[in-house]
Amino acid sequence: MEKYTEQGQRLQRFLEVSDFSQRSFATLVGSHQSIISRIKSGQIRPGIDLASRIEAATNGEFKPSDWAAVKSDPATSGVGQ
């Protein structure tokens, strides 16, 4: 399972409910259909600029912080060793 699947699934549902195609949403946020597809599938997360444009296009439904990388547990990440 990909890292960002939950947010991608939320975006998929938003697009369906809002009657957006990937292509039309990508155009709206100044991106490419393939990028939106990869975000929806959980393969990638948008950078801060694209995340901000997604926030604007979704009337705040998706905040840039929603796409933040999952924080690792310092006890298992080697931090401080």
C-alpha atoms as a PDB file:
ATOM      1  CA  MET A   1       0.000   0.000   0.000  1.00  0.00           C
ATOM      2  CA  GLU A   2       1.262   3.450  -0.878  1.00  0.00           C
ATOM      3  CA  LYS A   3       2.065   6.093   1.744  1.00  0.00           C
ATOM      4  CA  TYR A   4      -0.479   8.685   0.690  1.00  0.00           C
ATOM      5  CA  THR A   5      -3.431   6.452  -0.193  1.00  0.00           C
ATOM      6  CA  GLU A   6      -5.876   7.920   2.333  1.00  0.00           C
ATOM      7  CA  GLN A   7      -5.497  11.470   1.029  1.00  0.00           C
ATOM      8  CA  GLY A   8      -5.604  10.201  -2.544  1.00  0.00           C
ATOM      9  CA  GLN A   9      -8.850   8.358  -1.893  1.00  0.00           C
ATOM     10  CA  ARG A  10     -10.316  11.503  -0.344  1.00  0.00           C
ATOM     11  CA  LEU A  11      -9.318  13.438  -3.456  1.00  0.00           C
ATOM     12  CA  GLN A  12     -10.893  10.769  -5.665  1.00  0.00           C
ATOM     13  CA  ARG A  13     -14.187  11.048  -3.757  1.00  0.00           C
ATOM     14  CA  PHE A  14     -14.055  14.847  -3.938  1.00  0.00           C
ATOM     15  CA  LEU A  15     -13.565  14.759  -7.703  1.00  0.00           C
ATOM     16  CA  GLU A  16     -16.423  12.297  -8.155  1.00  0.00           C
ATOM     17  CA  VAL A  17     -18.846  14.266  -5.973  1.00  0.00           C
ATOM     18  CA  SER A  18     -17.803  17.541  -7.603  1.00  0.00           C
ATOM     19  CA  ASP A  19     -18.072  16.017 -11.101  1.00  0.00           C
ATOM     20  CA  PHE A  20     -14.462  16.850 -11.983  1.00  0.00           C
ATOM     21  CA  SER A  21     -12.394  14.761 -14.342  1.00  0.00           C
ATOM     22  CA  GLN A  22      -8.713  14.360 -13.506  1.00  0.00           C
ATOM     23  CA  ARG A  23      -7.879  16.455 -16.555  1.00  0.00           C
ATOM     24  CA  SER A  24     -10.237  19.325 -15.713  1.00  0.00           C
ATOM     25  CA  PHE A  25      -9.092  19.387 -12.088  1.00  0.00           C
ATOM     26  CA  ALA A  26      -5.456  19.315 -13.176  1.00  0.00           C
ATOM     27  CA  THR A  27      -6.091  22.274 -15.464  1.00  0.00           C
ATOM     28  CA  LEU A  28      -7.834  24.131 -12.643  1.00  0.00           C
ATOM     29  CA  VAL A  29      -4.875  23.685 -10.280  1.00  0.00           C
ATOM     30  CA  GLY A  30      -2.222  24.264 -12.943  1.00  0.00           C
ATOM     31  CA  SER A  31      -0.921  20.720 -13.065  1.00  0.00           C
ATOM     32  CA  HIS A  32      -1.054  17.686 -15.355  1.00  0.00           C
ATOM     33  CA  GLN A  33      -3.559  14.858 -15.412  1.00  0.00           C
ATOM     34  CA  SER A  34      -0.772  12.345 -14.769  1.00  0.00           C
ATOM     35  CA  ILE A  35       0.249  14.148 -11.574  1.00  0.00           C
ATOM     36  CA  ILE A  36      -3.334  14.162 -10.286  1.00  0.00           C
ATOM     37  CA  SER A  37      -3.554  10.460 -11.118  1.00  0.00           C
ATOM     38  CA  ARG A  38      -0.392   9.715  -9.136  1.00  0.00           C
ATOM     39  CA  ILE A  39      -1.659  11.772  -6.191  1.00  0.00           C
ATOM     40  CA  LYS A  40      -4.988   9.934  -6.250  1.00  0.00           C
ATOM     41  CA  SER A  41      -3.276   6.536  -6.342  1.00  0.00           C
ATOM     42  CA  GLY A  42      -1.110   7.463  -3.361  1.00  0.00           C
ATOM     43  CA  GLN A  43       2.178   7.257  -5.245  1.00  0.00           C
ATOM     44  CA  ILE A  44       3.133  10.879  -4.586  1.00  0.00           C
ATOM     45  CA  ARG A  45       2.021  13.846  -2.550  1.00  0.00           C
ATOM     46  CA  PRO A  46       1.833  17.365  -3.927  1.00  0.00           C
ATOM     47  CA  GLY A  47       4.480  19.903  -3.092  1.00  0.00           C
ATOM     48  CA  ILE A  48       3.494  22.961  -1.087  1.00  0.00           C
ATOM     49  CA  ASP A  49       2.671  25.070  -4.169  1.00  0.00           C
ATOM     50  CA  LEU A  50       0.375  22.465  -5.697  1.00  0.00           C
ATOM     51  CA  ALA A  51      -1.114  21.625  -2.292  1.00  0.00           C
ATOM     52  CA  SER A  52      -1.986  25.316  -1.869  1.00  0.00           C
ATOM     53  CA  ARG A  53      -3.631  25.405  -5.287  1.00  0.00           C
ATOM     54  CA  ILE A  54      -5.577  22.230  -4.424  1.00  0.00           C
ATOM     55  CA  GLU A  55      -6.725  23.916  -1.209  1.00  0.00           C
ATOM     56  CA  ALA A  56      -7.988  26.920  -3.175  1.00  0.00           C
ATOM     57  CA  ALA A  57      -9.689  24.770  -5.830  1.00  0.00           C
ATOM     58  CA  THR A  58     -11.447  22.651  -3.203  1.00  0.00           C
ATOM     59  CA  ASN A  59     -12.557  25.619  -1.080  1.00  0.00           C
ATOM     60  CA  GLY A  60     -10.367  24.465   1.791  1.00  0.00           C
ATOM     61  CA  GLU A  61     -11.416  20.807   1.698  1.00  0.00           C
ATOM     62  CA  PHE A  62      -7.733  19.830   1.450  1.00  0.00           C
ATOM     63  CA  LYS A  63      -5.220  21.816   3.454  1.00  0.00           C
ATOM     64  CA  PRO A  64      -1.512  21.704   2.573  1.00  0.00           C
ATOM     65  CA  SER A  65      -0.875  20.075   5.962  1.00  0.00           C
ATOM     66  CA  ASP A  66      -3.139  17.163   4.903  1.00  0.00           C
ATOM     67  CA  TRP A  67      -0.376  16.122   2.522  1.00  0.00           C
ATOM     68  CA  ALA A  68       2.466  16.379   5.055  1.00  0.00           C
ATOM     69  CA  ALA A  69       4.755  13.394   5.198  1.00  0.00           C
ATOM     70  CA  VAL A  70       3.959  10.863   7.860  1.00  0.00           C
ATOM     71  CA  LYS A  71       6.160  11.577  10.851  1.00  0.00           C
ATOM     72  CA  SER A  72       8.351   8.715  11.890  1.00  0.00           C
ATOM     73  CA  ASP A  73       8.774   7.562  15.446  1.00  0.00           C
ATOM     74  CA  PRO A  74      12.113   8.900  16.778  1.00  0.00           C
ATOM     75  CA  ALA A  75      12.584   5.630  18.655  1.00  0.00           C
ATOM     76  CA  THR A  76      12.720   3.698  15.376  1.00  0.00           C
ATOM     77  CA  SER A  77      14.121   6.265  12.955  1.00  0.00           C
ATOM     78  CA  GLY A  78      17.633   6.505  14.322  1.00  0.00           C
ATOM     79  CA  VAL A  79      17.170  10.126  15.430  1.00  0.00           C
ATOM     80  CA  GLY A  80      19.440  11.040  18.310  1.00  0.00           C
ATOM     81  CA  GLN A  81      21.616   7.959  18.047  1.00  0.00           C
END
